[in-house]
N, C-alpha and C. Protein backbone atom coordinates (compact mmCIF):
# COMPACT_ATOMS: atom_id res chain seq x y z
N MET A 1 -39.42 -48.55 -3.56
CA MET A 1 -37.99 -48.26 -3.52
C MET A 1 -37.49 -48.05 -4.94
N ALA A 2 -36.67 -47.06 -5.12
CA ALA A 2 -36.14 -46.72 -6.44
C ALA A 2 -35.12 -47.76 -6.89
N PRO A 3 -35.06 -48.01 -8.20
CA PRO A 3 -34.04 -48.96 -8.68
C PRO A 3 -32.64 -48.37 -8.50
N ALA A 4 -31.68 -49.26 -8.34
CA ALA A 4 -30.29 -48.82 -8.18
C ALA A 4 -29.82 -48.15 -9.46
N PRO A 5 -29.13 -47.03 -9.36
CA PRO A 5 -28.65 -46.37 -10.57
C PRO A 5 -27.60 -47.22 -11.27
N GLU A 6 -27.57 -47.10 -12.59
CA GLU A 6 -26.56 -47.80 -13.36
C GLU A 6 -25.23 -47.07 -13.21
N ARG A 7 -24.16 -47.72 -13.63
CA ARG A 7 -22.83 -47.14 -13.48
C ARG A 7 -22.24 -46.77 -14.84
N LEU A 8 -21.51 -45.69 -14.87
CA LEU A 8 -20.68 -45.36 -16.02
C LEU A 8 -19.38 -46.12 -15.82
N GLN A 9 -18.93 -46.84 -16.84
CA GLN A 9 -17.75 -47.67 -16.65
C GLN A 9 -16.66 -47.40 -17.67
N ARG A 10 -17.03 -47.02 -18.87
CA ARG A 10 -16.01 -46.81 -19.90
C ARG A 10 -15.50 -45.38 -19.88
N ARG A 11 -14.24 -45.22 -20.21
CA ARG A 11 -13.60 -43.91 -20.23
C ARG A 11 -14.32 -42.94 -21.15
N ALA A 12 -14.81 -43.44 -22.29
CA ALA A 12 -15.51 -42.59 -23.24
C ALA A 12 -16.77 -41.97 -22.63
N GLU A 13 -17.44 -42.69 -21.76
CA GLU A 13 -18.64 -42.15 -21.10
C GLU A 13 -18.26 -41.01 -20.15
N PHE A 14 -17.18 -41.19 -19.41
CA PHE A 14 -16.71 -40.14 -18.51
C PHE A 14 -16.29 -38.90 -19.30
N LEU A 15 -15.58 -39.12 -20.41
CA LEU A 15 -15.11 -38.00 -21.22
C LEU A 15 -16.27 -37.24 -21.86
N ARG A 16 -17.32 -37.96 -22.28
CA ARG A 16 -18.48 -37.30 -22.88
C ARG A 16 -19.16 -36.40 -21.85
N VAL A 17 -19.31 -36.87 -20.62
CA VAL A 17 -19.93 -36.05 -19.57
C VAL A 17 -19.06 -34.84 -19.26
N ALA A 18 -17.74 -35.04 -19.19
CA ALA A 18 -16.84 -33.93 -18.88
C ALA A 18 -16.82 -32.88 -19.99
N ALA A 19 -16.91 -33.33 -21.24
CA ALA A 19 -16.82 -32.39 -22.36
C ALA A 19 -18.11 -31.63 -22.60
N SER A 20 -19.25 -32.30 -22.48
CA SER A 20 -20.52 -31.70 -22.87
C SER A 20 -21.43 -31.34 -21.71
N GLY A 21 -21.15 -31.83 -20.52
CA GLY A 21 -22.06 -31.64 -19.40
C GLY A 21 -21.78 -30.38 -18.61
N ARG A 22 -22.65 -30.15 -17.61
CA ARG A 22 -22.47 -29.03 -16.70
C ARG A 22 -21.57 -29.45 -15.56
N LYS A 23 -20.78 -28.52 -15.05
CA LYS A 23 -19.84 -28.80 -13.98
C LYS A 23 -20.16 -27.89 -12.81
N VAL A 24 -20.35 -28.50 -11.63
CA VAL A 24 -20.67 -27.73 -10.43
C VAL A 24 -19.65 -28.08 -9.34
N PRO A 25 -18.71 -27.20 -9.07
CA PRO A 25 -17.76 -27.46 -7.98
C PRO A 25 -18.37 -27.10 -6.63
N SER A 26 -18.03 -27.87 -5.62
CA SER A 26 -18.42 -27.55 -4.25
C SER A 26 -17.23 -27.88 -3.35
N THR A 27 -17.37 -27.64 -2.08
CA THR A 27 -16.26 -27.86 -1.16
C THR A 27 -15.85 -29.32 -1.11
N GLY A 28 -16.82 -30.23 -1.07
CA GLY A 28 -16.53 -31.64 -0.88
C GLY A 28 -16.32 -32.44 -2.15
N LEU A 29 -16.84 -31.96 -3.27
CA LEU A 29 -16.74 -32.73 -4.51
C LEU A 29 -17.06 -31.84 -5.70
N VAL A 30 -16.86 -32.40 -6.89
CA VAL A 30 -17.25 -31.73 -8.12
C VAL A 30 -18.26 -32.64 -8.80
N LEU A 31 -19.38 -32.08 -9.22
CA LEU A 31 -20.40 -32.85 -9.92
C LEU A 31 -20.44 -32.44 -11.37
N GLN A 32 -20.36 -33.42 -12.26
CA GLN A 32 -20.52 -33.18 -13.69
C GLN A 32 -21.79 -33.90 -14.11
N ALA A 33 -22.67 -33.23 -14.86
CA ALA A 33 -23.94 -33.82 -15.24
C ALA A 33 -24.22 -33.56 -16.71
N LEU A 34 -24.74 -34.58 -17.38
CA LEU A 34 -25.12 -34.49 -18.78
C LEU A 34 -26.48 -35.12 -18.95
N ALA A 35 -27.44 -34.34 -19.45
CA ALA A 35 -28.80 -34.85 -19.66
C ALA A 35 -28.81 -35.85 -20.81
N ARG A 36 -29.63 -36.89 -20.66
CA ARG A 36 -29.83 -37.89 -21.70
C ARG A 36 -31.26 -37.80 -22.20
N PRO A 37 -31.51 -38.09 -23.47
CA PRO A 37 -32.88 -37.99 -23.99
C PRO A 37 -33.77 -39.16 -23.61
N ASP A 38 -33.22 -40.26 -23.12
CA ASP A 38 -34.03 -41.46 -22.90
C ASP A 38 -34.89 -41.43 -21.64
N GLY A 39 -34.56 -40.61 -20.66
CA GLY A 39 -35.35 -40.52 -19.44
C GLY A 39 -35.22 -41.72 -18.53
N GLY A 40 -34.24 -42.56 -18.75
CA GLY A 40 -34.02 -43.73 -17.90
C GLY A 40 -33.40 -43.33 -16.57
N PRO A 41 -33.17 -44.32 -15.70
CA PRO A 41 -32.56 -43.99 -14.40
C PRO A 41 -31.17 -43.37 -14.57
N ALA A 42 -30.79 -42.59 -13.59
CA ALA A 42 -29.49 -41.92 -13.63
C ALA A 42 -28.37 -42.95 -13.70
N ARG A 43 -27.33 -42.59 -14.43
CA ARG A 43 -26.11 -43.41 -14.47
C ARG A 43 -25.03 -42.63 -13.74
N LEU A 44 -24.31 -43.32 -12.86
CA LEU A 44 -23.32 -42.67 -12.02
C LEU A 44 -21.92 -43.15 -12.33
N GLY A 45 -20.97 -42.23 -12.21
CA GLY A 45 -19.55 -42.56 -12.30
C GLY A 45 -18.82 -41.83 -11.19
N PHE A 46 -17.77 -42.44 -10.69
CA PHE A 46 -17.00 -41.87 -9.60
C PHE A 46 -15.53 -41.87 -9.99
N THR A 47 -14.85 -40.77 -9.71
CA THR A 47 -13.43 -40.72 -10.02
C THR A 47 -12.70 -39.88 -8.97
N VAL A 48 -11.49 -40.31 -8.67
CA VAL A 48 -10.63 -39.58 -7.74
C VAL A 48 -9.22 -39.63 -8.33
N THR A 49 -8.60 -38.48 -8.52
CA THR A 49 -7.29 -38.43 -9.14
C THR A 49 -6.19 -38.80 -8.16
N ARG A 50 -5.02 -39.07 -8.69
CA ARG A 50 -3.89 -39.44 -7.84
C ARG A 50 -3.38 -38.27 -7.01
N LYS A 51 -3.77 -37.05 -7.35
CA LYS A 51 -3.39 -35.89 -6.54
C LYS A 51 -3.97 -35.97 -5.13
N VAL A 52 -5.08 -36.69 -4.99
CA VAL A 52 -5.76 -36.79 -3.71
C VAL A 52 -4.96 -37.62 -2.72
N GLY A 53 -4.28 -38.64 -3.19
CA GLY A 53 -3.49 -39.47 -2.28
C GLY A 53 -3.19 -40.83 -2.89
N ASN A 54 -2.73 -41.73 -2.03
CA ASN A 54 -2.41 -43.07 -2.52
C ASN A 54 -3.69 -43.88 -2.73
N ALA A 55 -3.56 -45.14 -3.12
CA ALA A 55 -4.71 -45.96 -3.48
C ALA A 55 -5.69 -46.12 -2.32
N VAL A 56 -5.19 -46.27 -1.12
CA VAL A 56 -6.05 -46.44 0.04
C VAL A 56 -6.91 -45.19 0.26
N VAL A 57 -6.29 -44.04 0.18
CA VAL A 57 -6.99 -42.77 0.37
C VAL A 57 -8.00 -42.55 -0.75
N ARG A 58 -7.60 -42.83 -1.98
CA ARG A 58 -8.52 -42.64 -3.11
C ARG A 58 -9.74 -43.57 -2.99
N ASN A 59 -9.51 -44.82 -2.62
CA ASN A 59 -10.63 -45.75 -2.49
C ASN A 59 -11.56 -45.35 -1.35
N ARG A 60 -11.01 -44.88 -0.25
CA ARG A 60 -11.85 -44.42 0.86
C ARG A 60 -12.69 -43.22 0.42
N THR A 61 -12.08 -42.31 -0.32
CA THR A 61 -12.79 -41.14 -0.83
C THR A 61 -13.91 -41.57 -1.77
N ARG A 62 -13.62 -42.51 -2.66
CA ARG A 62 -14.62 -43.01 -3.60
C ARG A 62 -15.78 -43.70 -2.87
N ARG A 63 -15.48 -44.48 -1.85
CA ARG A 63 -16.53 -45.16 -1.08
C ARG A 63 -17.44 -44.15 -0.38
N ARG A 64 -16.87 -43.07 0.15
CA ARG A 64 -17.68 -42.04 0.80
C ARG A 64 -18.63 -41.39 -0.21
N MET A 65 -18.13 -41.10 -1.42
CA MET A 65 -18.99 -40.50 -2.43
C MET A 65 -20.09 -41.47 -2.87
N LYS A 66 -19.74 -42.75 -3.02
CA LYS A 66 -20.73 -43.76 -3.42
C LYS A 66 -21.86 -43.86 -2.39
N GLU A 67 -21.49 -43.87 -1.12
CA GLU A 67 -22.50 -43.99 -0.08
C GLU A 67 -23.38 -42.75 -0.02
N ALA A 68 -22.79 -41.57 -0.15
CA ALA A 68 -23.58 -40.34 -0.16
C ALA A 68 -24.56 -40.34 -1.34
N ALA A 69 -24.10 -40.75 -2.51
CA ALA A 69 -24.97 -40.80 -3.68
C ALA A 69 -26.06 -41.85 -3.50
N ARG A 70 -25.72 -42.99 -2.93
CA ARG A 70 -26.70 -44.06 -2.73
C ARG A 70 -27.83 -43.59 -1.82
N LEU A 71 -27.46 -42.97 -0.69
CA LEU A 71 -28.47 -42.51 0.25
C LEU A 71 -29.32 -41.38 -0.32
N LEU A 72 -28.68 -40.45 -1.00
CA LEU A 72 -29.40 -39.31 -1.54
C LEU A 72 -30.33 -39.72 -2.69
N LEU A 73 -29.86 -40.57 -3.58
CA LEU A 73 -30.69 -40.97 -4.71
C LEU A 73 -31.77 -41.97 -4.31
N ARG A 74 -31.62 -42.59 -3.16
CA ARG A 74 -32.68 -43.47 -2.68
C ARG A 74 -33.88 -42.65 -2.24
N GLU A 75 -33.64 -41.50 -1.60
CA GLU A 75 -34.75 -40.67 -1.13
C GLU A 75 -35.33 -39.79 -2.23
N THR A 76 -34.52 -39.37 -3.20
CA THR A 76 -35.01 -38.56 -4.32
C THR A 76 -34.39 -39.09 -5.62
N PRO A 77 -35.08 -40.03 -6.29
CA PRO A 77 -34.52 -40.61 -7.52
C PRO A 77 -34.36 -39.55 -8.61
N VAL A 78 -33.33 -39.72 -9.41
CA VAL A 78 -33.03 -38.82 -10.52
C VAL A 78 -33.08 -39.64 -11.80
N ARG A 79 -33.67 -39.06 -12.86
CA ARG A 79 -33.82 -39.79 -14.11
C ARG A 79 -33.30 -38.95 -15.28
N GLY A 80 -32.85 -39.65 -16.32
CA GLY A 80 -32.47 -39.00 -17.56
C GLY A 80 -31.19 -38.18 -17.51
N VAL A 81 -30.22 -38.62 -16.72
CA VAL A 81 -29.00 -37.85 -16.60
C VAL A 81 -27.83 -38.79 -16.29
N ASP A 82 -26.65 -38.43 -16.80
CA ASP A 82 -25.41 -39.09 -16.44
C ASP A 82 -24.69 -38.18 -15.46
N LEU A 83 -24.26 -38.74 -14.33
CA LEU A 83 -23.59 -37.97 -13.29
C LEU A 83 -22.20 -38.54 -13.04
N VAL A 84 -21.21 -37.66 -12.95
CA VAL A 84 -19.86 -38.05 -12.57
C VAL A 84 -19.51 -37.25 -11.32
N LEU A 85 -19.15 -37.95 -10.25
CA LEU A 85 -18.72 -37.31 -9.02
C LEU A 85 -17.21 -37.41 -8.95
N VAL A 86 -16.58 -36.26 -8.82
CA VAL A 86 -15.12 -36.19 -8.79
C VAL A 86 -14.71 -35.85 -7.36
N GLY A 87 -13.92 -36.73 -6.77
CA GLY A 87 -13.47 -36.53 -5.40
C GLY A 87 -12.35 -35.50 -5.32
N ARG A 88 -12.34 -34.77 -4.23
CA ARG A 88 -11.29 -33.78 -3.95
C ARG A 88 -10.54 -34.20 -2.70
N ALA A 89 -9.47 -33.50 -2.42
CA ALA A 89 -8.71 -33.79 -1.21
C ALA A 89 -9.55 -33.52 0.04
N THR A 90 -10.49 -32.60 -0.04
CA THR A 90 -11.33 -32.27 1.11
C THR A 90 -12.46 -33.28 1.32
N THR A 91 -12.73 -34.13 0.34
CA THR A 91 -13.82 -35.10 0.44
C THR A 91 -13.58 -36.07 1.60
N ARG A 92 -12.36 -36.50 1.74
CA ARG A 92 -12.01 -37.50 2.75
C ARG A 92 -12.25 -37.01 4.17
N GLY A 93 -11.88 -35.77 4.45
CA GLY A 93 -11.99 -35.26 5.81
C GLY A 93 -13.29 -34.54 6.11
N ARG A 94 -14.13 -34.37 5.12
CA ARG A 94 -15.39 -33.64 5.30
C ARG A 94 -16.39 -34.49 6.07
N LYS A 95 -17.16 -33.85 6.95
CA LYS A 95 -18.20 -34.58 7.67
C LYS A 95 -19.19 -35.15 6.65
N PHE A 96 -19.70 -36.34 6.95
CA PHE A 96 -20.55 -37.03 5.98
C PHE A 96 -21.83 -36.24 5.70
N THR A 97 -22.42 -35.64 6.71
CA THR A 97 -23.63 -34.85 6.49
C THR A 97 -23.34 -33.65 5.60
N ALA A 98 -22.18 -33.04 5.77
CA ALA A 98 -21.79 -31.91 4.92
C ALA A 98 -21.55 -32.37 3.49
N LEU A 99 -20.98 -33.56 3.33
CA LEU A 99 -20.76 -34.12 2.00
C LEU A 99 -22.09 -34.38 1.31
N MET A 100 -23.06 -34.90 2.05
CA MET A 100 -24.40 -35.13 1.48
C MET A 100 -25.05 -33.80 1.09
N ASP A 101 -24.88 -32.77 1.92
CA ASP A 101 -25.42 -31.45 1.58
C ASP A 101 -24.75 -30.89 0.32
N ASP A 102 -23.44 -31.08 0.20
CA ASP A 102 -22.73 -30.64 -1.01
C ASP A 102 -23.32 -31.30 -2.25
N LEU A 103 -23.55 -32.59 -2.17
CA LEU A 103 -24.10 -33.32 -3.31
C LEU A 103 -25.53 -32.88 -3.60
N ARG A 104 -26.32 -32.69 -2.57
CA ARG A 104 -27.72 -32.25 -2.74
C ARG A 104 -27.76 -30.88 -3.43
N ARG A 105 -26.92 -29.95 -2.97
CA ARG A 105 -26.90 -28.62 -3.58
C ARG A 105 -26.40 -28.67 -5.03
N ALA A 106 -25.40 -29.50 -5.27
CA ALA A 106 -24.87 -29.64 -6.63
C ALA A 106 -25.93 -30.20 -7.58
N LEU A 107 -26.70 -31.18 -7.11
CA LEU A 107 -27.77 -31.74 -7.93
C LEU A 107 -28.84 -30.69 -8.24
N GLU A 108 -29.15 -29.87 -7.26
CA GLU A 108 -30.12 -28.80 -7.48
C GLU A 108 -29.60 -27.80 -8.50
N ARG A 109 -28.31 -27.48 -8.41
CA ARG A 109 -27.73 -26.48 -9.33
C ARG A 109 -27.68 -26.96 -10.77
N VAL A 110 -27.55 -28.27 -10.99
CA VAL A 110 -27.55 -28.78 -12.37
C VAL A 110 -28.96 -29.09 -12.85
N GLY A 111 -29.95 -28.94 -11.96
CA GLY A 111 -31.34 -29.18 -12.35
C GLY A 111 -31.76 -30.63 -12.26
N ALA A 112 -31.00 -31.46 -11.55
CA ALA A 112 -31.34 -32.87 -11.43
C ALA A 112 -31.90 -33.21 -10.07
N GLY A 113 -31.87 -32.28 -9.13
CA GLY A 113 -32.29 -32.56 -7.77
C GLY A 113 -33.76 -32.22 -7.56
N PRO A 114 -34.19 -32.32 -6.30
CA PRO A 114 -35.59 -32.03 -5.96
C PRO A 114 -35.93 -30.56 -6.10
């Protein structure tokens, strides 16, 4: 079983990925990825802006993205990259399998997927 990915927690880490990384928009989410030279396990960050809705809606959206990332990275571990998943208004209402497909395709497009 793959180790659990680490989390991005500080604002500076999110800003570094946004400024220097690749950005892949999809219907259900936006993936930002920045390669790291250390080759360690992927570090993940999740963000949902206030445009998406109130706190309850944003947290539900964030939980859906976390679960999709957990399931996907468990079957295909990713190493040496920082990933930020940005929730959209469509993330909440999107079917979970479609959300997982969005994330899988986004990972492939940034070169971090299978």
